[in-house]
Amino acid sequence: MVGVPQKNISRSQPEKNGSGKKRYQEANPEKIREYHRRYREMNHEKLSEKQRIRYREVNWEKNREYRARYREANREFMIRYPEKRSKTFAETLQEQLRKVQRHQRETQQKLKALGSKRLSGVLTDCLKSPTRYPVHSAEMRSPVLMYLESFCHSLCAEEYMSFDQMREGTDRVEP
């Protein structure tokens, strides 16, 4: 037939022997690798669960035999273990108790060596008792005291107290 386009038979009908798939895989190995990598990332949990199930199914008999051999080999130990464990626990508890008692004895000895727990000291009321520090004479004044004194003298004498009056504790400025 002339004028009627022919369909490409190789594309419309799948090949029965799978050679088209093989050709695609050979032509595009990077795309195939990338597809498998993305699939593993997206379905990691599902794949790992399948792998665990498959492992259990394949190795079930081997694991059962291993557990039976282990129980048989350690039968005596499993019988003696609770007894040994309780004895070890009791010994450990006794050792800890001895350490605590020894520490308490040492603390008591140290407290006896220190003597009385009573705190003693001399208390003085600074407002009522005279000052222990001598009043500085004019020659022995520090630069800070001299500055403060000059500042106080520069203020109006009627409104403010002088530095000496403030230091002596008088209330009012005497004209």
C-alpha atoms as a PDB file:
ATOM      1  CA  MET A   1       0.000   0.000   0.000  1.00  0.00           C
ATOM      2  CA  VAL A   2       1.269   3.217  -1.100  1.00  0.00           C
ATOM      3  CA  GLY A   3       0.766   6.334   0.962  1.00  0.00           C
ATOM      4  CA  VAL A   4      -0.207   4.561   4.192  1.00  0.00           C
ATOM      5  CA  PRO A   5       2.520   4.836   6.747  1.00  0.00           C
ATOM      6  CA  GLN A   6       3.701   1.556   8.100  1.00  0.00           C
ATOM      7  CA  LYS A   7       3.926   1.116  11.856  1.00  0.00           C
ATOM      8  CA  ASN A   8       7.271   0.267  13.279  1.00  0.00           C
ATOM      9  CA  ILE A   9       6.595  -3.276  14.315  1.00  0.00           C
ATOM     10  CA  SER A  10       9.683  -3.558  16.530  1.00  0.00           C
ATOM     11  CA  ARG A  11       8.543  -0.713  18.804  1.00  0.00           C
ATOM     12  CA  SER A  12       4.858  -1.481  19.053  1.00  0.00           C
ATOM     13  CA  GLN A  13       5.223  -5.146  19.880  1.00  0.00           C
ATOM     14  CA  PRO A  14       7.377  -6.157  22.823  1.00  0.00           C
ATOM     15  CA  GLU A  15      10.149  -8.558  22.088  1.00  0.00           C
ATOM     16  CA  LYS A  16       9.657 -11.936  23.611  1.00  0.00           C
ATOM     17  CA  ASN A  17      13.279 -12.778  24.363  1.00  0.00           C
ATOM     18  CA  GLY A  18      14.085  -9.512  26.299  1.00  0.00           C
ATOM     19  CA  SER A  19      16.880  -8.423  23.999  1.00  0.00           C
ATOM     20  CA  GLY A  20      15.482  -4.844  23.937  1.00  0.00           C
ATOM     21  CA  LYS A  21      15.916  -4.589  27.715  1.00  0.00           C
ATOM     22  CA  LYS A  22      19.426  -5.920  27.463  1.00  0.00           C
ATOM     23  CA  ARG A  23      20.293  -3.435  24.715  1.00  0.00           C
ATOM     24  CA  TYR A  24      18.904  -0.548  26.827  1.00  0.00           C
ATOM     25  CA  GLN A  25      20.896  -1.684  29.854  1.00  0.00           C
ATOM     26  CA  GLU A  26      24.059  -1.954  27.782  1.00  0.00           C
ATOM     27  CA  ALA A  27      23.504   1.459  26.212  1.00  0.00           C
ATOM     28  CA  ASN A  28      22.601   3.261  29.496  1.00  0.00           C
ATOM     29  CA  PRO A  29      24.465   1.706  32.442  1.00  0.00           C
ATOM     30  CA  GLU A  30      24.679   5.037  34.312  1.00  0.00           C
ATOM     31  CA  LYS A  31      20.927   5.587  34.184  1.00  0.00           C
ATOM     32  CA  ILE A  32      20.302   2.053  35.450  1.00  0.00           C
ATOM     33  CA  ARG A  33      22.815   2.514  38.282  1.00  0.00           C
ATOM     34  CA  GLU A  34      21.229   5.853  39.256  1.00  0.00           C
ATOM     35  CA  TYR A  35      17.733   4.315  39.201  1.00  0.00           C
ATOM     36  CA  HIS A  36      18.799   1.490  41.529  1.00  0.00           C
ATOM     37  CA  ARG A  37      20.581   3.900  43.882  1.00  0.00           C
ATOM     38  CA  ARG A  38      17.492   6.132  44.181  1.00  0.00           C
ATOM     39  CA  TYR A  39      15.293   3.070  44.714  1.00  0.00           C
ATOM     40  CA  ARG A  40      17.513   1.860  47.574  1.00  0.00           C
ATOM     41  CA  GLU A  41      17.461   5.328  49.179  1.00  0.00           C
ATOM     42  CA  MET A  42      13.685   5.696  48.907  1.00  0.00           C
ATOM     43  CA  ASN A  43      12.889   2.141  50.107  1.00  0.00           C
ATOM     44  CA  HIS A  44      15.697   1.566  52.586  1.00  0.00           C
ATOM     45  CA  GLU A  45      13.456   0.506  55.487  1.00  0.00           C
ATOM     46  CA  LYS A  46      11.344  -1.819  53.388  1.00  0.00           C
ATOM     47  CA  LEU A  47      14.436  -3.456  51.856  1.00  0.00           C
ATOM     48  CA  SER A  48      16.198  -3.899  55.184  1.00  0.00           C
ATOM     49  CA  GLU A  49      13.069  -5.468  56.719  1.00  0.00           C
ATOM     50  CA  LYS A  50      12.823  -7.894  53.808  1.00  0.00           C
ATOM     51  CA  GLN A  51      16.494  -8.739  54.247  1.00  0.00           C
ATOM     52  CA  ARG A  52      15.988  -9.448  57.982  1.00  0.00           C
ATOM     53  CA  ILE A  53      13.003 -11.683  57.289  1.00  0.00           C
ATOM     54  CA  ARG A  54      14.891 -13.545  54.576  1.00  0.00           C
ATOM     55  CA  TYR A  55      17.894 -14.029  56.904  1.00  0.00           C
ATOM     56  CA  ARG A  56      15.675 -15.423  59.676  1.00  0.00           C
ATOM     57  CA  GLU A  57      13.987 -17.821  57.265  1.00  0.00           C
ATOM     58  CA  VAL A  58      17.252 -19.037  55.775  1.00  0.00           C
ATOM     59  CA  ASN A  59      19.139 -19.344  59.072  1.00  0.00           C
ATOM     60  CA  TRP A  60      16.313 -20.413  61.385  1.00  0.00           C
ATOM     61  CA  GLU A  61      17.444 -23.990  61.732  1.00  0.00           C
ATOM     62  CA  LYS A  62      21.107 -23.043  62.142  1.00  0.00           C
ATOM     63  CA  ASN A  63      20.256 -20.531  64.927  1.00  0.00           C
ATOM     64  CA  ARG A  64      18.053 -23.075  66.721  1.00  0.00           C
ATOM     65  CA  GLU A  65      20.901 -25.603  66.720  1.00  0.00           C
ATOM     66  CA  TYR A  66      23.341 -22.956  67.986  1.00  0.00           C
ATOM     67  CA  ARG A  67      21.054 -22.015  70.902  1.00  0.00           C
ATOM     68  CA  ALA A  68      20.620 -25.678  71.840  1.00  0.00           C
ATOM     69  CA  ARG A  69      24.413 -26.248  71.830  1.00  0.00           C
ATOM     70  CA  TYR A  70      24.942 -23.076  73.916  1.00  0.00           C
ATOM     71  CA  ARG A  71      22.375 -24.126  76.528  1.00  0.00           C
ATOM     72  CA  GLU A  72      23.896 -27.593  76.776  1.00  0.00           C
ATOM     73  CA  ALA A  73      27.454 -26.292  77.088  1.00  0.00           C
ATOM     74  CA  ASN A  74      26.525 -23.711  79.738  1.00  0.00           C
ATOM     75  CA  ARG A  75      23.980 -25.714  81.693  1.00  0.00           C
ATOM     76  CA  GLU A  76      26.170 -25.982  84.812  1.00  0.00           C
ATOM     77  CA  PHE A  77      27.061 -22.320  84.714  1.00  0.00           C
ATOM     78  CA  MET A  78      23.395 -21.306  84.401  1.00  0.00           C
ATOM     79  CA  ILE A  79      22.580 -23.379  87.480  1.00  0.00           C
ATOM     80  CA  ARG A  80      25.427 -21.904  89.570  1.00  0.00           C
ATOM     81  CA  TYR A  81      25.158 -18.328  88.265  1.00  0.00           C
ATOM     82  CA  PRO A  82      22.260 -17.055  90.444  1.00  0.00           C
ATOM     83  CA  GLU A  83      23.998 -18.384  93.560  1.00  0.00           C
ATOM     84  CA  LYS A  84      27.326 -16.844  92.553  1.00  0.00           C
ATOM     85  CA  ARG A  85      25.665 -13.542  91.639  1.00  0.00           C
ATOM     86  CA  SER A  86      23.880 -13.219  94.977  1.00  0.00           C
ATOM     87  CA  LYS A  87      27.106 -14.018  96.844  1.00  0.00           C
ATOM     88  CA  THR A  88      29.051 -11.449  94.819  1.00  0.00           C
ATOM     89  CA  PHE A  89      26.346  -8.849  95.376  1.00  0.00           C
ATOM     90  CA  ALA A  90      26.420  -9.434  99.133  1.00  0.00           C
ATOM     91  CA  GLU A  91      30.220  -9.112  99.209  1.00  0.00           C
ATOM     92  CA  THR A  92      30.073  -5.894  97.215  1.00  0.00           C
ATOM     93  CA  LEU A  93      27.453  -4.483  99.559  1.00  0.00           C
ATOM     94  CA  GLN A  94      29.571  -5.367 102.623  1.00  0.00           C
ATOM     95  CA  GLU A  95      32.631  -3.723 101.085  1.00  0.00           C
ATOM     96  CA  GLN A  96      30.711  -0.521 100.392  1.00  0.00           C
ATOM     97  CA  LEU A  97      29.363  -0.498 103.953  1.00  0.00           C
ATOM     98  CA  ARG A  98      32.918  -0.857 105.325  1.00  0.00           C
ATOM     99  CA  LYS A  99      34.091   2.087 103.203  1.00  0.00           C
ATOM    100  CA  VAL A 100      31.288   4.300 104.509  1.00  0.00           C
ATOM    101  CA  GLN A 101      32.004   3.346 108.120  1.00  0.00           C
ATOM    102  CA  ARG A 102      35.739   3.987 107.666  1.00  0.00           C
ATOM    103  CA  HIS A 103      35.016   7.404 106.142  1.00  0.00           C
ATOM    104  CA  GLN A 104      32.730   8.281 109.080  1.00  0.00           C
ATOM    105  CA  ARG A 105      35.414   7.287 111.595  1.00  0.00           C
ATOM    106  CA  GLU A 106      38.026   9.403 109.821  1.00  0.00           C
ATOM    107  CA  THR A 107      35.660  12.368 109.746  1.00  0.00           C
ATOM    108  CA  GLN A 108      34.962  12.039 113.481  1.00  0.00           C
ATOM    109  CA  GLN A 109      38.700  11.934 114.225  1.00  0.00           C
ATOM    110  CA  LYS A 110      39.288  15.055 112.138  1.00  0.00           C
ATOM    111  CA  LEU A 111      36.483  16.906 113.922  1.00  0.00           C
ATOM    112  CA  LYS A 112      37.938  15.953 117.322  1.00  0.00           C
ATOM    113  CA  ALA A 113      41.350  17.193 116.220  1.00  0.00           C
ATOM    114  CA  LEU A 114      39.880  20.564 115.182  1.00  0.00           C
ATOM    115  CA  GLY A 115      38.381  21.140 118.597  1.00  0.00           C
ATOM    116  CA  SER A 116      35.276  23.131 119.396  1.00  0.00           C
ATOM    117  CA  LYS A 117      32.752  23.980 116.700  1.00  0.00           C
ATOM    118  CA  ARG A 118      32.006  27.278 118.439  1.00  0.00           C
ATOM    119  CA  LEU A 119      32.905  30.344 116.428  1.00  0.00           C
ATOM    120  CA  SER A 120      34.378  33.161 118.460  1.00  0.00           C
ATOM    121  CA  GLY A 121      35.341  36.649 117.432  1.00  0.00           C
ATOM    122  CA  VAL A 122      35.329  40.206 118.714  1.00  0.00           C
ATOM    123  CA  LEU A 123      32.527  42.355 117.395  1.00  0.00           C
ATOM    124  CA  THR A 124      32.664  46.119 117.579  1.00  0.00           C
ATOM    125  CA  ASP A 125      29.971  48.657 116.876  1.00  0.00           C
ATOM    126  CA  CYS A 126      31.657  51.122 114.575  1.00  0.00           C
ATOM    127  CA  LEU A 127      28.990  53.776 115.077  1.00  0.00           C
ATOM    128  CA  LYS A 128      29.383  53.906 118.896  1.00  0.00           C
ATOM    129  CA  SER A 129      33.013  53.047 119.413  1.00  0.00           C
ATOM    130  CA  PRO A 130      35.856  55.427 118.492  1.00  0.00           C
ATOM    131  CA  THR A 131      37.522  54.908 115.149  1.00  0.00           C
ATOM    132  CA  ARG A 132      40.653  52.829 115.014  1.00  0.00           C
ATOM    133  CA  TYR A 133      42.039  54.830 112.146  1.00  0.00           C
ATOM    134  CA  PRO A 134      43.857  58.073 113.037  1.00  0.00           C
ATOM    135  CA  VAL A 135      42.612  61.348 111.613  1.00  0.00           C
ATOM    136  CA  HIS A 136      45.064  62.611 109.054  1.00  0.00           C
ATOM    137  CA  SER A 137      46.781  65.892 109.649  1.00  0.00           C
ATOM    138  CA  ALA A 138      47.039  68.499 106.893  1.00  0.00           C
ATOM    139  CA  GLU A 139      50.517  67.320 105.900  1.00  0.00           C
ATOM    140  CA  MET A 140      49.524  63.642 105.646  1.00  0.00           C
ATOM    141  CA  ARG A 141      46.382  64.006 103.561  1.00  0.00           C
ATOM    142  CA  SER A 142      46.055  61.938 100.437  1.00  0.00           C
ATOM    143  CA  PRO A 143      45.320  63.547  97.068  1.00  0.00           C
ATOM    144  CA  VAL A 144      41.782  62.149  97.149  1.00  0.00           C
ATOM    145  CA  LEU A 145      41.050  63.707 100.540  1.00  0.00           C
ATOM    146  CA  MET A 146      42.519  67.006  99.422  1.00  0.00           C
ATOM    147  CA  TYR A 147      40.388  66.976  96.267  1.00  0.00           C
ATOM    148  CA  LEU A 148      37.214  66.224  98.203  1.00  0.00           C
ATOM    149  CA  GLU A 149      37.987  68.929 100.744  1.00  0.00           C
ATOM    150  CA  SER A 150      38.616  71.543  98.051  1.00  0.00           C
ATOM    151  CA  PHE A 151      35.402  70.509  96.300  1.00  0.00           C
ATOM    152  CA  CYS A 152      33.398  70.900  99.500  1.00  0.00           C
ATOM    153  CA  HIS A 153      34.931  74.328 100.178  1.00  0.00           C
ATOM    154  CA  SER A 154      34.095  75.484  96.668  1.00  0.00           C
ATOM    155  CA  LEU A 155      30.391  74.947  97.304  1.00  0.00           C
ATOM    156  CA  CYS A 156      28.300  77.580  98.938  1.00  0.00           C
ATOM    157  CA  ALA A 157      28.988  77.439 102.677  1.00  0.00           C
ATOM    158  CA  GLU A 158      25.411  78.237 103.671  1.00  0.00           C
ATOM    159  CA  GLU A 159      23.785  75.411 101.743  1.00  0.00           C
ATOM    160  CA  TYR A 160      26.356  72.618 102.051  1.00  0.00           C
ATOM    161  CA  MET A 161      28.546  71.233 104.782  1.00  0.00           C
ATOM    162  CA  SER A 162      32.296  71.301 104.522  1.00  0.00           C
ATOM    163  CA  PHE A 163      34.314  68.156 104.175  1.00  0.00           C
ATOM    164  CA  ASP A 164      35.580  68.418 107.762  1.00  0.00           C
ATOM    165  CA  GLN A 165      32.041  68.846 109.061  1.00  0.00           C
ATOM    166  CA  MET A 166      30.850  65.874 107.061  1.00  0.00           C
ATOM    167  CA  ARG A 167      33.726  63.811 108.407  1.00  0.00           C
ATOM    168  CA  GLU A 168      33.071  64.877 111.996  1.00  0.00           C
ATOM    169  CA  GLY A 169      29.364  64.223 111.613  1.00  0.00           C
ATOM    170  CA  THR A 170      27.869  67.648 112.408  1.00  0.00           C
ATOM    171  CA  ASP A 171      24.440  68.299 111.002  1.00  0.00           C
ATOM    172  CA  ARG A 172      24.372  71.958 109.986  1.00  0.00           C
ATOM    173  CA  VAL A 173      26.754  74.541 108.717  1.00  0.00           C
ATOM    174  CA  GLU A 174      27.484  77.127 111.330  1.00  0.00           C
ATOM    175  CA  PRO A 175      27.716  80.643 109.893  1.00  0.00           C
END
